[in-house]
Each structure stands twice: as C-alpha cells, then as structure tokens.
C-alpha cells in the first residue's frame, strides 16, 4: 500500500478524504498509510489541516493516534496548534484511553512545550500518579524520559 501511494500520488487526496472520514476500518488504515507516506510539512496536506484537527475529537483511539501523528509532522497555525494542544491534554487526562493514544498525545504536548517554553510550568501536574498508574512500565519510562529532556522532574 505504501509503495502504491508513493508511486500513484494522484490518489493522495482520496487517501486524505478517507482518513478524515468515519468509514472504519478504512479511515484508520488510510491515516496510518498517509503518515507512512507523507513528508514533513507535506504541501498536499495543508488545505486539509483544519478539517483533520476538527475531526479528531470524534474518532476512536487508534484513529486519533494516527491523525495526531500526521498533525505532529505539520506546521500548524497558532489557532490549530492550540486546539490540538488542548485536545491532546484532554486525551492524556482520560486514563481509560489507550496508552498508545495517550503517549502520542503527550509527545505532541511536549513538542509544543519545547516551542512555547512558558507552558513548561503547567506540565508537572500531568505526571501525577493518577495519570501514570494505568500505564505499563515501558510507557511510564518513555514519559519520564520526555520530561527529563524538558528538565521536569517526575517521581
């Protein structure tokens, strides 16, 4: 599939439309495929960014994860960056969410915090035990490593 889409770029827009849709399981797979085939700040995705951001909230865990991964590779407007940041905070705080979507959300939170250092003081509360208790030791280690890079102490 990856080879096909790379060789047949005329189908890229169709793949984006499918990735934004609710046509499961194809939408999730299309989002995964796009992430696998896209470039950083891929021009073909720019006009779809507002729709991708606004569609995220209503997707299932795996689909959210793949769309966040796509958006993480793009330069978003300040407005869309803020909306995605808030959504990622919400996803992180939902301890019943899949650990993979939660850590992907946290990666985006850390990315934005590295860009806007004034957010750093808001993050320590996100690594309280209540948010970490449902995560595996490996995921917890990854979170601690990300926070260590931000010079934020995690217990």
C-alpha atoms as a PDB file:
ATOM      1  CA  UNK A   1       0.000   0.000   0.000  1.00  0.00           C
ATOM      2  CA  UNK A   2       2.819   2.385   0.890  1.00  0.00           C
ATOM      3  CA  UNK A   3       4.592   1.707  -2.414  1.00  0.00           C
ATOM      4  CA  UNK A   4       1.340   2.125  -4.337  1.00  0.00           C
ATOM      5  CA  UNK A   5       0.565   5.510  -2.796  1.00  0.00           C
ATOM      6  CA  UNK A   6       4.125   6.732  -3.256  1.00  0.00           C
ATOM      7  CA  UNK A   7       4.051   5.719  -6.924  1.00  0.00           C
ATOM      8  CA  UNK A   8       0.473   6.908  -7.585  1.00  0.00           C
ATOM      9  CA  UNK A   9       0.386  10.325  -5.955  1.00  0.00           C
ATOM     10  CA  UNK A  10      -2.869  11.187  -7.737  1.00  0.00           C
ATOM     11  CA  UNK A  11      -4.615   9.085  -5.060  1.00  0.00           C
ATOM     12  CA  UNK A  12      -3.174  11.091  -2.170  1.00  0.00           C
ATOM     13  CA  UNK A  13      -6.200  13.433  -1.894  1.00  0.00           C
ATOM     14  CA  UNK A  14      -8.538  10.456  -1.911  1.00  0.00           C
ATOM     15  CA  UNK A  15      -6.494   8.875   0.890  1.00  0.00           C
ATOM     16  CA  UNK A  16      -6.737  12.099   2.912  1.00  0.00           C
ATOM     17  CA  UNK A  17     -10.522  12.263   2.458  1.00  0.00           C
ATOM     18  CA  UNK A  18     -10.809   8.649   3.579  1.00  0.00           C
ATOM     19  CA  UNK A  19      -8.526   9.287   6.588  1.00  0.00           C
ATOM     20  CA  UNK A  20     -10.764  12.148   7.749  1.00  0.00           C
ATOM     21  CA  UNK A  21     -13.928  10.119   7.274  1.00  0.00           C
ATOM     22  CA  UNK A  22     -15.678   7.795   9.711  1.00  0.00           C
ATOM     23  CA  UNK A  23     -15.590   4.854   7.276  1.00  0.00           C
ATOM     24  CA  UNK A  24     -13.943   2.294   9.570  1.00  0.00           C
ATOM     25  CA  UNK A  25     -11.726   0.366   9.424  1.00  0.00           C
ATOM     26  CA  UNK A  26     -10.585   2.075   6.228  1.00  0.00           C
ATOM     27  CA  UNK A  27     -10.307   5.578   7.703  1.00  0.00           C
ATOM     28  CA  UNK A  28      -7.850   4.478  10.398  1.00  0.00           C
ATOM     29  CA  UNK A  29      -5.824   2.499   7.845  1.00  0.00           C
ATOM     30  CA  UNK A  30      -5.774   5.430   5.461  1.00  0.00           C
ATOM     31  CA  UNK A  31      -4.486   7.730   8.226  1.00  0.00           C
ATOM     32  CA  UNK A  32      -1.750   5.203   9.021  1.00  0.00           C
ATOM     33  CA  UNK A  33      -0.878   4.972   5.330  1.00  0.00           C
ATOM     34  CA  UNK A  34      -0.702   8.753   4.945  1.00  0.00           C
ATOM     35  CA  UNK A  35       1.622   9.073   7.921  1.00  0.00           C
ATOM     36  CA  UNK A  36       3.825   6.388   6.372  1.00  0.00           C
ATOM     37  CA  UNK A  37       3.966   8.196   3.007  1.00  0.00           C
ATOM     38  CA  UNK A  38       3.977  11.866   3.901  1.00  0.00           C
ATOM     39  CA  UNK A  39       6.839  14.302   4.157  1.00  0.00           C
ATOM     40  CA  UNK A  40       7.349  16.768   6.982  1.00  0.00           C
ATOM     41  CA  UNK A  41       5.119  19.788   6.232  1.00  0.00           C
ATOM     42  CA  UNK A  42       3.713  17.963   3.222  1.00  0.00           C
ATOM     43  CA  UNK A  43       2.099  20.577   0.948  1.00  0.00           C
ATOM     44  CA  UNK A  44      -0.572  18.096  -0.108  1.00  0.00           C
ATOM     45  CA  UNK A  45      -1.967  18.089   3.435  1.00  0.00           C
ATOM     46  CA  UNK A  46      -2.019  21.819   4.175  1.00  0.00           C
ATOM     47  CA  UNK A  47      -5.520  22.531   2.889  1.00  0.00           C
ATOM     48  CA  UNK A  48      -6.875  19.611   4.951  1.00  0.00           C
ATOM     49  CA  UNK A  49      -5.330  20.594   8.293  1.00  0.00           C
ATOM     50  CA  UNK A  50      -8.370  22.462   9.675  1.00  0.00           C
ATOM     51  CA  UNK A  51     -10.628  19.507   8.825  1.00  0.00           C
ATOM     52  CA  UNK A  52      -8.228  16.991  10.327  1.00  0.00           C
ATOM     53  CA  UNK A  53      -7.955  18.976  13.568  1.00  0.00           C
ATOM     54  CA  UNK A  54     -11.707  19.490  13.852  1.00  0.00           C
ATOM     55  CA  UNK A  55     -12.482  15.829  13.114  1.00  0.00           C
ATOM     56  CA  UNK A  56     -10.126  14.429  15.743  1.00  0.00           C
ATOM     57  CA  UNK A  57     -12.342  14.688  18.789  1.00  0.00           C
ATOM     58  CA  UNK A  58     -14.941  12.244  17.456  1.00  0.00           C
ATOM     59  CA  UNK A  59     -12.590   9.484  16.305  1.00  0.00           C
ATOM     60  CA  UNK A  60     -11.746   6.255  18.099  1.00  0.00           C
ATOM     61  CA  UNK A  61      -8.420   5.819  19.902  1.00  0.00           C
ATOM     62  CA  UNK A  62      -6.338   4.299  17.109  1.00  0.00           C
ATOM     63  CA  UNK A  63      -7.664   6.748  14.551  1.00  0.00           C
ATOM     64  CA  UNK A  64      -6.924   9.681  16.873  1.00  0.00           C
ATOM     65  CA  UNK A  65      -3.383   8.391  17.360  1.00  0.00           C
ATOM     66  CA  UNK A  66      -2.711   8.199  13.618  1.00  0.00           C
ATOM     67  CA  UNK A  67      -4.180  11.644  12.921  1.00  0.00           C
ATOM     68  CA  UNK A  68      -2.136  13.195  15.750  1.00  0.00           C
ATOM     69  CA  UNK A  69       0.980  11.601  14.260  1.00  0.00           C
ATOM     70  CA  UNK A  70       0.164  13.229  10.905  1.00  0.00           C
ATOM     71  CA  UNK A  71      -0.502  16.617  12.505  1.00  0.00           C
ATOM     72  CA  UNK A  72       2.717  16.371  14.528  1.00  0.00           C
ATOM     73  CA  UNK A  73       4.650  16.389  11.271  1.00  0.00           C
ATOM     74  CA  UNK A  74       2.982  19.571  10.048  1.00  0.00           C
ATOM     75  CA  UNK A  75       3.445  23.252  10.849  1.00  0.00           C
ATOM     76  CA  UNK A  76       0.049  24.280  12.182  1.00  0.00           C
ATOM     77  CA  UNK A  77      -1.359  27.763  12.531  1.00  0.00           C
ATOM     78  CA  UNK A  78      -1.284  29.096  16.085  1.00  0.00           C
ATOM     79  CA  UNK A  79      -5.042  28.556  16.328  1.00  0.00           C
ATOM     80  CA  UNK A  80      -4.927  24.914  15.206  1.00  0.00           C
ATOM     81  CA  UNK A  81      -1.842  24.256  17.307  1.00  0.00           C
ATOM     82  CA  UNK A  82      -3.770  25.498  20.342  1.00  0.00           C
ATOM     83  CA  UNK A  83      -6.856  23.421  19.543  1.00  0.00           C
ATOM     84  CA  UNK A  84      -4.734  20.302  19.063  1.00  0.00           C
ATOM     85  CA  UNK A  85      -2.753  21.024  22.234  1.00  0.00           C
ATOM     86  CA  UNK A  86      -5.992  21.290  24.247  1.00  0.00           C
ATOM     87  CA  UNK A  87      -7.330  18.095  22.707  1.00  0.00           C
ATOM     88  CA  UNK A  88      -4.083  16.275  23.495  1.00  0.00           C
ATOM     89  CA  UNK A  89      -4.291  17.465  27.108  1.00  0.00           C
ATOM     90  CA  UNK A  90      -7.817  16.093  27.278  1.00  0.00           C
ATOM     91  CA  UNK A  91      -6.761  12.759  25.749  1.00  0.00           C
ATOM     92  CA  UNK A  92      -3.844  12.450  28.183  1.00  0.00           C
ATOM     93  CA  UNK A  93      -6.106  13.060  31.164  1.00  0.00           C
ATOM     94  CA  UNK A  94      -8.512  10.292  30.098  1.00  0.00           C
ATOM     95  CA  UNK A  95      -6.865   7.358  31.858  1.00  0.00           C
ATOM     96  CA  UNK A  96      -9.292   4.921  30.232  1.00  0.00           C
ATOM     97  CA  UNK A  97      -7.920   5.820  26.796  1.00  0.00           C
ATOM     98  CA  UNK A  98      -5.489   3.504  25.042  1.00  0.00           C
ATOM     99  CA  UNK A  99      -1.910   4.040  26.287  1.00  0.00           C
ATOM    100  CA  UNK A 100      -0.766   4.412  22.668  1.00  0.00           C
ATOM    101  CA  UNK A 101      -3.090   7.364  22.026  1.00  0.00           C
ATOM    102  CA  UNK A 102      -2.189   8.891  25.397  1.00  0.00           C
ATOM    103  CA  UNK A 103       1.571   8.740  24.779  1.00  0.00           C
ATOM    104  CA  UNK A 104       1.108  10.100  21.258  1.00  0.00           C
ATOM    105  CA  UNK A 105      -0.886  12.977  22.753  1.00  0.00           C
ATOM    106  CA  UNK A 106       1.864  13.540  25.315  1.00  0.00           C
ATOM    107  CA  UNK A 107       4.508  13.613  22.585  1.00  0.00           C
ATOM    108  CA  UNK A 108       2.584  16.437  20.937  1.00  0.00           C
ATOM    109  CA  UNK A 109       2.212  18.258  24.270  1.00  0.00           C
ATOM    110  CA  UNK A 110       5.990  18.026  24.777  1.00  0.00           C
ATOM    111  CA  UNK A 111       6.662  19.175  21.209  1.00  0.00           C
ATOM    112  CA  UNK A 112       4.536  22.297  21.684  1.00  0.00           C
ATOM    113  CA  UNK A 113       6.090  22.935  25.098  1.00  0.00           C
ATOM    114  CA  UNK A 114       9.555  22.864  23.541  1.00  0.00           C
ATOM    115  CA  UNK A 115       8.375  25.549  21.132  1.00  0.00           C
ATOM    116  CA  UNK A 116       6.491  27.597  23.767  1.00  0.00           C
ATOM    117  CA  UNK A 117       8.638  27.264  26.888  1.00  0.00           C
ATOM    118  CA  UNK A 118       6.176  29.263  29.005  1.00  0.00           C
ATOM    119  CA  UNK A 119       3.935  26.159  29.022  1.00  0.00           C
ATOM    120  CA  UNK A 120       6.581  24.186  30.885  1.00  0.00           C
ATOM    121  CA  UNK A 121       5.332  25.249  34.311  1.00  0.00           C
ATOM    122  CA  UNK A 122       1.893  23.803  33.504  1.00  0.00           C
ATOM    123  CA  UNK A 123       3.139  20.265  32.854  1.00  0.00           C
ATOM    124  CA  UNK A 124       4.239  18.751  36.197  1.00  0.00           C
ATOM    125  CA  UNK A 125       0.658  18.105  37.235  1.00  0.00           C
ATOM    126  CA  UNK A 126       0.256  15.874  34.129  1.00  0.00           C
ATOM    127  CA  UNK A 127       2.622  13.277  35.554  1.00  0.00           C
ATOM    128  CA  UNK A 128       0.887  12.786  38.866  1.00  0.00           C
ATOM    129  CA  UNK A 129       0.405   9.150  39.795  1.00  0.00           C
ATOM    130  CA  UNK A 130      -3.284   9.217  38.815  1.00  0.00           C
ATOM    131  CA  UNK A 131      -2.254   9.756  35.165  1.00  0.00           C
ATOM    132  CA  UNK A 132       0.587   7.245  35.208  1.00  0.00           C
ATOM    133  CA  UNK A 133      -0.976   4.400  37.180  1.00  0.00           C
ATOM    134  CA  UNK A 134      -2.734   2.792  34.177  1.00  0.00           C
ATOM    135  CA  UNK A 135       0.400   2.806  32.006  1.00  0.00           C
ATOM    136  CA  UNK A 136       2.889  -0.002  31.544  1.00  0.00           C
ATOM    137  CA  UNK A 137       6.411   0.379  32.947  1.00  0.00           C
ATOM    138  CA  UNK A 138       7.725   0.942  29.409  1.00  0.00           C
ATOM    139  CA  UNK A 139       5.296   3.754  28.661  1.00  0.00           C
ATOM    140  CA  UNK A 140       5.954   5.312  32.072  1.00  0.00           C
ATOM    141  CA  UNK A 141       9.683   5.207  31.321  1.00  0.00           C
ATOM    142  CA  UNK A 142       9.097   6.948  27.967  1.00  0.00           C
ATOM    143  CA  UNK A 143       7.067   9.686  29.662  1.00  0.00           C
ATOM    144  CA  UNK A 144       9.769  10.197  32.296  1.00  0.00           C
ATOM    145  CA  UNK A 145      12.407  10.403  29.563  1.00  0.00           C
ATOM    146  CA  UNK A 146      10.414  13.063  27.658  1.00  0.00           C
ATOM    147  CA  UNK A 147      10.008  15.104  30.832  1.00  0.00           C
ATOM    148  CA  UNK A 148      13.670  14.708  31.716  1.00  0.00           C
ATOM    149  CA  UNK A 149      14.517  16.311  28.340  1.00  0.00           C
ATOM    150  CA  UNK A 150      12.293  19.247  29.365  1.00  0.00           C
ATOM    151  CA  UNK A 151      14.108  19.312  32.734  1.00  0.00           C
ATOM    152  CA  UNK A 152      10.892  18.483  34.580  1.00  0.00           C
ATOM    153  CA  UNK A 153      11.251  16.040  37.468  1.00  0.00           C
ATOM    154  CA  UNK A 154       8.913  13.017  37.508  1.00  0.00           C
ATOM    155  CA  UNK A 155       8.614  10.908  40.658  1.00  0.00           C
END
